[in-house]
Amino acid sequence: MATIHISEGEAVRDFAGLLARVRAGAEVVIENGPIAVAVLHAPVPPARSLTECIALLPEDSKATIDEDFARDVESAVEAHREPLHPPTWD
């Protein structure tokens, strides 16, 4: 995803163009001199709950949630406790 830095004045003159760039996947940082005052980007889609995912399964699905399911999920989470995006100072 490209990051575009523009001034407040540029943003005012072509806001429709900025939205088109955001729709295309860019992130736009609007700045007042050296200070960023706003960031435009597409919203992150909401995550689905497990219940919602199950509701999306076709009626003839063979997927099941047995008594070991919670244990399997817990062990998978425990196996991957490292941060996905470690801070830059690490």
C-alpha atoms as a PDB file:
ATOM      1  CA  MET A   1       0.000   0.000   0.000  1.00  0.00           C
ATOM      2  CA  ALA A   2       1.449   3.356  -1.034  1.00  0.00           C
ATOM      3  CA  THR A   3       1.580   6.245   1.435  1.00  0.00           C
ATOM      4  CA  ILE A   4       0.967   9.682  -0.034  1.00  0.00           C
ATOM      5  CA  HIS A   5       1.906  12.843   1.906  1.00  0.00           C
ATOM      6  CA  ILE A   6       0.063  16.036   0.967  1.00  0.00           C
ATOM      7  CA  SER A   7      -0.607  19.454   2.442  1.00  0.00           C
ATOM      8  CA  GLU A   8      -3.949  20.578   3.853  1.00  0.00           C
ATOM      9  CA  GLY A   9      -4.366  22.888   0.874  1.00  0.00           C
ATOM     10  CA  GLU A  10      -3.867  20.068  -1.623  1.00  0.00           C
ATOM     11  CA  ALA A  11      -6.373  17.933   0.287  1.00  0.00           C
ATOM     12  CA  VAL A  12      -8.989  20.687   0.126  1.00  0.00           C
ATOM     13  CA  ARG A  13      -8.484  21.244  -3.592  1.00  0.00           C
ATOM     14  CA  ASP A  14      -8.903  17.582  -4.587  1.00  0.00           C
ATOM     15  CA  PHE A  15     -10.658  15.665  -1.825  1.00  0.00           C
ATOM     16  CA  ALA A  16     -12.536  13.506  -4.364  1.00  0.00           C
ATOM     17  CA  GLY A  17      -9.188  12.529  -5.875  1.00  0.00           C
ATOM     18  CA  LEU A  18      -7.872  11.602  -2.426  1.00  0.00           C
ATOM     19  CA  LEU A  19     -10.844   9.344  -1.814  1.00  0.00           C
ATOM     20  CA  ALA A  20     -10.254   7.664  -5.170  1.00  0.00           C
ATOM     21  CA  ARG A  21      -6.666   6.936  -4.142  1.00  0.00           C
ATOM     22  CA  VAL A  22      -7.822   5.556  -0.786  1.00  0.00           C
ATOM     23  CA  ARG A  23     -10.339   3.311  -2.576  1.00  0.00           C
ATOM     24  CA  ALA A  24      -7.455   2.070  -4.726  1.00  0.00           C
ATOM     25  CA  GLY A  25      -5.546   1.061  -1.591  1.00  0.00           C
ATOM     26  CA  ALA A  26      -3.361   4.067  -0.793  1.00  0.00           C
ATOM     27  CA  GLU A  27      -2.956   5.703   2.597  1.00  0.00           C
ATOM     28  CA  VAL A  28      -3.004   9.517   2.539  1.00  0.00           C
ATOM     29  CA  VAL A  29      -1.280  11.597   5.221  1.00  0.00           C
ATOM     30  CA  ILE A  30      -2.510  15.192   5.331  1.00  0.00           C
ATOM     31  CA  GLU A  31       0.096  17.531   6.773  1.00  0.00           C
ATOM     32  CA  ASN A  32       0.303  21.072   8.083  1.00  0.00           C
ATOM     33  CA  GLY A  33       3.952  21.818   7.464  1.00  0.00           C
ATOM     34  CA  PRO A  34       5.937  19.067   9.176  1.00  0.00           C
ATOM     35  CA  ILE A  35       3.014  17.916  11.335  1.00  0.00           C
ATOM     36  CA  ALA A  36       0.628  15.170  10.247  1.00  0.00           C
ATOM     37  CA  VAL A  37      -2.938  16.238  11.055  1.00  0.00           C
ATOM     38  CA  ALA A  38      -4.931  13.388   9.509  1.00  0.00           C
ATOM     39  CA  VAL A  39      -4.510   9.986   7.918  1.00  0.00           C
ATOM     40  CA  LEU A  40      -6.988   8.609   5.391  1.00  0.00           C
ATOM     41  CA  HIS A  41      -7.156   4.892   4.684  1.00  0.00           C
ATOM     42  CA  ALA A  42      -9.805   2.305   3.947  1.00  0.00           C
ATOM     43  CA  PRO A  43     -11.526   0.924   7.047  1.00  0.00           C
ATOM     44  CA  VAL A  44     -10.472  -2.456   8.345  1.00  0.00           C
ATOM     45  CA  PRO A  45     -13.321  -4.900   7.811  1.00  0.00           C
ATOM     46  CA  PRO A  46     -14.786  -6.143  11.084  1.00  0.00           C
ATOM     47  CA  ALA A  47     -13.677  -9.592  12.167  1.00  0.00           C
ATOM     48  CA  ARG A  48     -16.266 -12.348  12.196  1.00  0.00           C
ATOM     49  CA  SER A  49     -16.994 -14.266  15.349  1.00  0.00           C
ATOM     50  CA  LEU A  50     -16.749 -18.038  15.336  1.00  0.00           C
ATOM     51  CA  THR A  51     -20.537 -18.217  15.504  1.00  0.00           C
ATOM     52  CA  GLU A  52     -20.831 -16.045  12.376  1.00  0.00           C
ATOM     53  CA  CYS A  53     -18.295 -18.223  10.553  1.00  0.00           C
ATOM     54  CA  ILE A  54     -20.203 -21.366  11.443  1.00  0.00           C
ATOM     55  CA  ALA A  55     -23.456 -19.766  10.283  1.00  0.00           C
ATOM     56  CA  LEU A  56     -21.865 -19.227   6.851  1.00  0.00           C
ATOM     57  CA  LEU A  57     -21.152 -22.925   6.365  1.00  0.00           C
ATOM     58  CA  PRO A  58     -23.355 -24.732   3.868  1.00  0.00           C
ATOM     59  CA  GLU A  59     -26.061 -26.910   5.405  1.00  0.00           C
ATOM     60  CA  ASP A  60     -24.388 -30.092   4.157  1.00  0.00           C
ATOM     61  CA  SER A  61     -21.003 -29.165   5.693  1.00  0.00           C
ATOM     62  CA  LYS A  62     -19.159 -31.912   7.540  1.00  0.00           C
ATOM     63  CA  ALA A  63     -17.425 -29.418   9.860  1.00  0.00           C
ATOM     64  CA  THR A  64     -17.913 -30.147  13.550  1.00  0.00           C
ATOM     65  CA  ILE A  65     -16.835 -28.591  16.805  1.00  0.00           C
ATOM     66  CA  ASP A  66     -16.116 -31.362  19.274  1.00  0.00           C
ATOM     67  CA  GLU A  67     -14.948 -31.226  22.893  1.00  0.00           C
ATOM     68  CA  ASP A  68     -11.304 -30.983  21.771  1.00  0.00           C
ATOM     69  CA  PHE A  69     -11.895 -27.854  19.684  1.00  0.00           C
ATOM     70  CA  ALA A  70     -11.262 -25.314  22.480  1.00  0.00           C
ATOM     71  CA  ARG A  71      -8.125 -27.186  23.527  1.00  0.00           C
ATOM     72  CA  ASP A  72      -6.859 -27.232  19.932  1.00  0.00           C
ATOM     73  CA  VAL A  73      -7.443 -23.489  19.552  1.00  0.00           C
ATOM     74  CA  GLU A  74      -5.739 -22.764  22.875  1.00  0.00           C
ATOM     75  CA  SER A  75      -2.680 -24.830  21.952  1.00  0.00           C
ATOM     76  CA  ALA A  76      -2.458 -23.087  18.565  1.00  0.00           C
ATOM     77  CA  VAL A  77      -2.561 -19.668  20.240  1.00  0.00           C
ATOM     78  CA  GLU A  78       0.042 -20.709  22.817  1.00  0.00           C
ATOM     79  CA  ALA A  79       2.336 -21.937  20.051  1.00  0.00           C
ATOM     80  CA  HIS A  80       2.349 -18.468  18.441  1.00  0.00           C
ATOM     81  CA  ARG A  81       2.686 -15.925  21.245  1.00  0.00           C
ATOM     82  CA  GLU A  82       5.363 -13.882  19.463  1.00  0.00           C
ATOM     83  CA  PRO A  83       4.230 -10.392  18.346  1.00  0.00           C
ATOM     84  CA  LEU A  84       3.192 -10.145  14.726  1.00  0.00           C
ATOM     85  CA  HIS A  85       4.712  -6.664  14.368  1.00  0.00           C
ATOM     86  CA  PRO A  86       7.442  -6.173  16.983  1.00  0.00           C
ATOM     87  CA  PRO A  87       8.215  -2.555  17.912  1.00  0.00           C
ATOM     88  CA  THR A  88      11.105  -0.944  16.039  1.00  0.00           C
ATOM     89  CA  TRP A  89      13.168  -0.613  19.233  1.00  0.00           C
ATOM     90  CA  ASP A  90      13.377  -4.414  19.728  1.00  0.00           C
END
